[in-house]
Structures are given as C-alpha cells and as structure tokens.
C-alpha cells in the first residue's frame, strides 16, 4: 500500500492481503490531529506552516538570531487556525476576512520587549487578531472586536 518494504512483521500490519507500515498509519493519525487542531486549512498548508516555524526555530538555535518572518507567520497562523481568507499582498486597510468580518492581524514576536500591539486607527477592519509568538515558538491568538479596543491603547502609527 505504501511502497515501503516491510522487513519483518513488527514494521506493519497485514490487512486485506497487503502490508501496511506503521509509518503510514502514524502519518495518517498525525494528519487527522492536524485537521482537528487547524480545521480551516489543508494538511499541506499546515505542514508548510510547521516547516516554516521549524526553520525559524532551527535558525535561531544555530545563530542566535531571529529570522524576520513574524508577520507572515502570524497571518499564516490566522489562516490555518481561524480560517482567515487573506487579501492579495499589498492590500491596504486589513489583512483579510473571517466570514463577513474584515480582520487586521498583528503579530507580537519573541524579540519584542512588550506585549502591546500597535494598530493604525485608519485601517479598514472590524476585528483585530493578535498573534503572540513565544520564545519557544509557541503560538497564541486572540480576536478582539474593534469597538472593544480602548482608544488610548490603539496607538497612532506613522
């Protein structure tokens, strides 16, 4: 079924006249877990996200420097976790839509000294999605209705 040679019976199971490797079975289970955690994306896109996070983490561990990919990682996380449909690159006002809501995504990177996100008040969005990436590359996110953002917390950015 998988084309992987089975050397002995401990490497797989016999089912319906053919061997199925544990590697293939485990990959199917892992794909199901990914779909449960990120129901808004294909397994292929989720795996690309995981590969990018792993590359950024490996680079940091090897060099002590962060790759500057935070905004893209934050938007990709919003896409796979919340179903954000991103606009074309360079679109002004918001990053995409979730359902009927226009969404601005702000990413707080591990190298940022504070947990404050700066947002342009002129933006065309009604939801703010803040993605925080920790020092160990764990992701957390929160969606905030624009009406709930206190004006003194939304800094004007020039």
C-alpha atoms as a PDB file:
ATOM      1  CA  UNK A   1       0.000   0.000   0.000  1.00  0.00           C
ATOM      2  CA  UNK A   2       2.787   2.463   0.816  1.00  0.00           C
ATOM      3  CA  UNK A   3       5.576   1.074  -1.337  1.00  0.00           C
ATOM      4  CA  UNK A   4       7.837   0.867   1.725  1.00  0.00           C
ATOM      5  CA  UNK A   5       9.456  -2.555   2.032  1.00  0.00           C
ATOM      6  CA  UNK A   6       8.453  -4.387   5.212  1.00  0.00           C
ATOM      7  CA  UNK A   7      11.425  -6.352   6.568  1.00  0.00           C
ATOM      8  CA  UNK A   8       9.596  -8.071   9.418  1.00  0.00           C
ATOM      9  CA  UNK A   9       6.119  -8.241  10.861  1.00  0.00           C
ATOM     10  CA  UNK A  10       6.843  -5.668  13.595  1.00  0.00           C
ATOM     11  CA  UNK A  11       7.110  -2.893  10.960  1.00  0.00           C
ATOM     12  CA  UNK A  12       3.453  -3.036   9.976  1.00  0.00           C
ATOM     13  CA  UNK A  13       0.214  -4.942   9.931  1.00  0.00           C
ATOM     14  CA  UNK A  14      -1.279  -7.329   7.410  1.00  0.00           C
ATOM     15  CA  UNK A  15      -4.684  -6.216   6.207  1.00  0.00           C
ATOM     16  CA  UNK A  16      -6.788  -7.383   3.310  1.00  0.00           C
ATOM     17  CA  UNK A  17      -3.911  -9.128   1.553  1.00  0.00           C
ATOM     18  CA  UNK A  18      -1.226  -6.454   1.920  1.00  0.00           C
ATOM     19  CA  UNK A  19       1.185  -4.982   4.449  1.00  0.00           C
ATOM     20  CA  UNK A  20       0.523  -1.510   5.835  1.00  0.00           C
ATOM     21  CA  UNK A  21       3.506   0.110   7.543  1.00  0.00           C
ATOM     22  CA  UNK A  22       3.278   1.721  10.978  1.00  0.00           C
ATOM     23  CA  UNK A  23       4.937   4.773   9.442  1.00  0.00           C
ATOM     24  CA  UNK A  24       1.992   5.214   7.064  1.00  0.00           C
ATOM     25  CA  UNK A  25      -0.557   4.575   9.824  1.00  0.00           C
ATOM     26  CA  UNK A  26       1.138   7.117  12.104  1.00  0.00           C
ATOM     27  CA  UNK A  27       1.261   9.703   9.311  1.00  0.00           C
ATOM     28  CA  UNK A  28      -2.494   9.299   8.793  1.00  0.00           C
ATOM     29  CA  UNK A  29      -3.147   9.716  12.526  1.00  0.00           C
ATOM     30  CA  UNK A  30      -0.923  12.814  12.613  1.00  0.00           C
ATOM     31  CA  UNK A  31      -2.791  14.290   9.620  1.00  0.00           C
ATOM     32  CA  UNK A  32      -6.083  13.756  11.497  1.00  0.00           C
ATOM     33  CA  UNK A  33      -4.689  15.514  14.583  1.00  0.00           C
ATOM     34  CA  UNK A  34      -3.581  18.457  12.444  1.00  0.00           C
ATOM     35  CA  UNK A  35      -7.038  18.732  10.860  1.00  0.00           C
ATOM     36  CA  UNK A  36      -8.665  18.741  14.296  1.00  0.00           C
ATOM     37  CA  UNK A  37      -6.341  21.483  15.585  1.00  0.00           C
ATOM     38  CA  UNK A  38      -6.483  23.558  12.389  1.00  0.00           C
ATOM     39  CA  UNK A  39      -9.861  22.807  10.767  1.00  0.00           C
ATOM     40  CA  UNK A  40      -9.707  25.724   8.318  1.00  0.00           C
ATOM     41  CA  UNK A  41      -6.732  24.569   6.236  1.00  0.00           C
ATOM     42  CA  UNK A  42      -5.468  21.662   4.230  1.00  0.00           C
ATOM     43  CA  UNK A  43      -2.891  19.344   5.754  1.00  0.00           C
ATOM     44  CA  UNK A  44      -0.386  20.513   3.122  1.00  0.00           C
ATOM     45  CA  UNK A  45      -0.689  24.184   4.176  1.00  0.00           C
ATOM     46  CA  UNK A  46      -0.498  23.218   7.856  1.00  0.00           C
ATOM     47  CA  UNK A  47       2.682  21.259   7.178  1.00  0.00           C
ATOM     48  CA  UNK A  48       4.179  24.255   5.335  1.00  0.00           C
ATOM     49  CA  UNK A  49       3.414  26.377   8.417  1.00  0.00           C
ATOM     50  CA  UNK A  50       5.081  23.786  10.672  1.00  0.00           C
ATOM     51  CA  UNK A  51       8.109  23.637   8.341  1.00  0.00           C
ATOM     52  CA  UNK A  52       8.471  27.441   8.417  1.00  0.00           C
ATOM     53  CA  UNK A  53       8.241  27.548  12.214  1.00  0.00           C
ATOM     54  CA  UNK A  54      10.790  24.737  12.464  1.00  0.00           C
ATOM     55  CA  UNK A  55      13.151  26.546  10.063  1.00  0.00           C
ATOM     56  CA  UNK A  56      12.870  29.790  12.063  1.00  0.00           C
ATOM     57  CA  UNK A  57      13.474  27.920  15.313  1.00  0.00           C
ATOM     58  CA  UNK A  58      16.456  25.973  13.922  1.00  0.00           C
ATOM     59  CA  UNK A  59      17.958  29.173  12.519  1.00  0.00           C
ATOM     60  CA  UNK A  60      17.635  30.864  15.904  1.00  0.00           C
ATOM     61  CA  UNK A  61      19.189  27.890  17.709  1.00  0.00           C
ATOM     62  CA  UNK A  62      22.084  27.824  15.207  1.00  0.00           C
ATOM     63  CA  UNK A  63      22.818  31.546  15.004  1.00  0.00           C
ATOM     64  CA  UNK A  64      21.208  33.245  17.996  1.00  0.00           C
ATOM     65  CA  UNK A  65      19.376  35.489  15.517  1.00  0.00           C
ATOM     66  CA  UNK A  66      15.710  35.531  14.628  1.00  0.00           C
ATOM     67  CA  UNK A  67      14.507  35.329  11.037  1.00  0.00           C
ATOM     68  CA  UNK A  68      12.282  38.312  10.349  1.00  0.00           C
ATOM     69  CA  UNK A  69       9.233  36.342   9.227  1.00  0.00           C
ATOM     70  CA  UNK A  70       6.900  37.210  12.104  1.00  0.00           C
ATOM     71  CA  UNK A  71       4.171  38.990  10.155  1.00  0.00           C
ATOM     72  CA  UNK A  72       3.914  36.205   7.608  1.00  0.00           C
ATOM     73  CA  UNK A  73       3.891  33.521  10.322  1.00  0.00           C
ATOM     74  CA  UNK A  74       1.175  35.415  12.217  1.00  0.00           C
ATOM     75  CA  UNK A  75      -1.021  35.732   9.139  1.00  0.00           C
ATOM     76  CA  UNK A  76      -0.458  32.103   8.151  1.00  0.00           C
ATOM     77  CA  UNK A  77      -1.381  31.033  11.697  1.00  0.00           C
ATOM     78  CA  UNK A  78      -4.567  33.131  11.465  1.00  0.00           C
ATOM     79  CA  UNK A  79      -5.317  31.445   8.146  1.00  0.00           C
ATOM     80  CA  UNK A  80      -4.992  27.873   9.407  1.00  0.00           C
ATOM     81  CA  UNK A  81      -6.377  28.405  12.922  1.00  0.00           C
ATOM     82  CA  UNK A  82      -9.266  30.800  12.287  1.00  0.00           C
ATOM     83  CA  UNK A  83      -9.943  30.482   8.555  1.00  0.00           C
ATOM     84  CA  UNK A  84      -8.628  33.923   7.578  1.00  0.00           C
ATOM     85  CA  UNK A  85      -9.004  34.428   3.836  1.00  0.00           C
ATOM     86  CA  UNK A  86      -6.080  36.712   3.091  1.00  0.00           C
ATOM     87  CA  UNK A  87      -6.205  39.620   0.673  1.00  0.00           C
ATOM     88  CA  UNK A  88      -3.729  39.939  -2.153  1.00  0.00           C
ATOM     89  CA  UNK A  89      -0.275  41.131  -0.982  1.00  0.00           C
ATOM     90  CA  UNK A  90      -0.114  44.899  -0.585  1.00  0.00           C
ATOM     91  CA  UNK A  91      -3.847  45.392   0.002  1.00  0.00           C
ATOM     92  CA  UNK A  92      -4.366  48.362   2.312  1.00  0.00           C
ATOM     93  CA  UNK A  93      -6.700  48.538   5.311  1.00  0.00           C
ATOM     94  CA  UNK A  94      -6.860  44.936   6.538  1.00  0.00           C
ATOM     95  CA  UNK A  95      -5.158  41.598   6.064  1.00  0.00           C
ATOM     96  CA  UNK A  96      -8.183  39.506   5.156  1.00  0.00           C
ATOM     97  CA  UNK A  97     -11.610  38.282   6.105  1.00  0.00           C
ATOM     98  CA  UNK A  98     -13.048  35.778   8.528  1.00  0.00           C
ATOM     99  CA  UNK A  99     -16.633  35.267   7.452  1.00  0.00           C
ATOM    100  CA  UNK A 100     -18.075  38.760   6.950  1.00  0.00           C
ATOM    101  CA  UNK A 101     -15.508  40.469   9.193  1.00  0.00           C
ATOM    102  CA  UNK A 102     -12.554  42.462   7.899  1.00  0.00           C
ATOM    103  CA  UNK A 103      -9.569  41.442  10.010  1.00  0.00           C
ATOM    104  CA  UNK A 104      -6.273  43.130  10.804  1.00  0.00           C
ATOM    105  CA  UNK A 105      -3.590  40.706  12.044  1.00  0.00           C
ATOM    106  CA  UNK A 106      -0.866  41.954  14.360  1.00  0.00           C
ATOM    107  CA  UNK A 107       1.953  39.651  15.386  1.00  0.00           C
ATOM    108  CA  UNK A 108       3.959  40.070  18.585  1.00  0.00           C
ATOM    109  CA  UNK A 109       7.337  38.422  18.110  1.00  0.00           C
ATOM    110  CA  UNK A 110       9.534  36.830  20.783  1.00  0.00           C
ATOM    111  CA  UNK A 111      12.112  39.582  20.369  1.00  0.00           C
ATOM    112  CA  UNK A 112       9.607  42.331  21.151  1.00  0.00           C
ATOM    113  CA  UNK A 113      10.042  43.715  24.638  1.00  0.00           C
ATOM    114  CA  UNK A 114       6.363  44.337  25.331  1.00  0.00           C
ATOM    115  CA  UNK A 115       3.031  42.691  24.709  1.00  0.00           C
ATOM    116  CA  UNK A 116       1.494  45.822  23.174  1.00  0.00           C
ATOM    117  CA  UNK A 117       0.386  45.754  19.553  1.00  0.00           C
ATOM    118  CA  UNK A 118       0.309  48.995  17.587  1.00  0.00           C
ATOM    119  CA  UNK A 119      -2.551  49.420  15.145  1.00  0.00           C
ATOM    120  CA  UNK A 120      -3.306  52.156  12.624  1.00  0.00           C
ATOM    121  CA  UNK A 121      -6.701  53.562  13.531  1.00  0.00           C
ATOM    122  CA  UNK A 122      -7.335  54.449   9.894  1.00  0.00           C
ATOM    123  CA  UNK A 123      -7.389  50.780   8.916  1.00  0.00           C
ATOM    124  CA  UNK A 124     -10.477  49.252   7.342  1.00  0.00           C
ATOM    125  CA  UNK A 125     -11.143  46.408   9.802  1.00  0.00           C
ATOM    126  CA  UNK A 126     -13.739  45.497  12.383  1.00  0.00           C
ATOM    127  CA  UNK A 127     -11.775  42.689  14.094  1.00  0.00           C
ATOM    128  CA  UNK A 128      -8.224  42.705  15.367  1.00  0.00           C
ATOM    129  CA  UNK A 129      -6.483  39.345  15.591  1.00  0.00           C
ATOM    130  CA  UNK A 130      -3.366  39.460  17.767  1.00  0.00           C
ATOM    131  CA  UNK A 131      -0.941  36.556  17.414  1.00  0.00           C
ATOM    132  CA  UNK A 132       1.759  36.191  20.048  1.00  0.00           C
ATOM    133  CA  UNK A 133       4.786  34.005  19.373  1.00  0.00           C
ATOM    134  CA  UNK A 134       6.706  32.980  22.480  1.00  0.00           C
ATOM    135  CA  UNK A 135      10.454  32.441  22.889  1.00  0.00           C
ATOM    136  CA  UNK A 136       9.940  28.726  22.315  1.00  0.00           C
ATOM    137  CA  UNK A 137       7.902  29.362  19.146  1.00  0.00           C
ATOM    138  CA  UNK A 138       4.516  28.580  20.665  1.00  0.00           C
ATOM    139  CA  UNK A 139       1.572  30.483  19.169  1.00  0.00           C
ATOM    140  CA  UNK A 140      -1.370  32.081  20.979  1.00  0.00           C
ATOM    141  CA  UNK A 141      -4.024  34.276  19.433  1.00  0.00           C
ATOM    142  CA  UNK A 142      -6.925  36.441  20.425  1.00  0.00           C
ATOM    143  CA  UNK A 143      -9.617  38.120  18.334  1.00  0.00           C
ATOM    144  CA  UNK A 144     -10.851  41.499  19.548  1.00  0.00           C
ATOM    145  CA  UNK A 145     -13.827  43.421  18.212  1.00  0.00           C
ATOM    146  CA  UNK A 146     -12.687  46.879  17.120  1.00  0.00           C
ATOM    147  CA  UNK A 147     -15.372  48.505  19.287  1.00  0.00           C
ATOM    148  CA  UNK A 148     -13.788  46.898  22.364  1.00  0.00           C
ATOM    149  CA  UNK A 149     -10.354  48.443  21.755  1.00  0.00           C
ATOM    150  CA  UNK A 150      -9.818  51.387  24.071  1.00  0.00           C
ATOM    151  CA  UNK A 151      -8.665  54.397  22.090  1.00  0.00           C
ATOM    152  CA  UNK A 152      -5.748  55.063  24.404  1.00  0.00           C
ATOM    153  CA  UNK A 153      -4.447  51.528  23.719  1.00  0.00           C
ATOM    154  CA  UNK A 154      -4.615  51.888  19.956  1.00  0.00           C
ATOM    155  CA  UNK A 155      -1.558  53.944  19.135  1.00  0.00           C
ATOM    156  CA  UNK A 156      -1.364  56.006  16.004  1.00  0.00           C
ATOM    157  CA  UNK A 157       1.479  54.665  13.903  1.00  0.00           C
ATOM    158  CA  UNK A 158       3.064  56.925  11.280  1.00  0.00           C
END
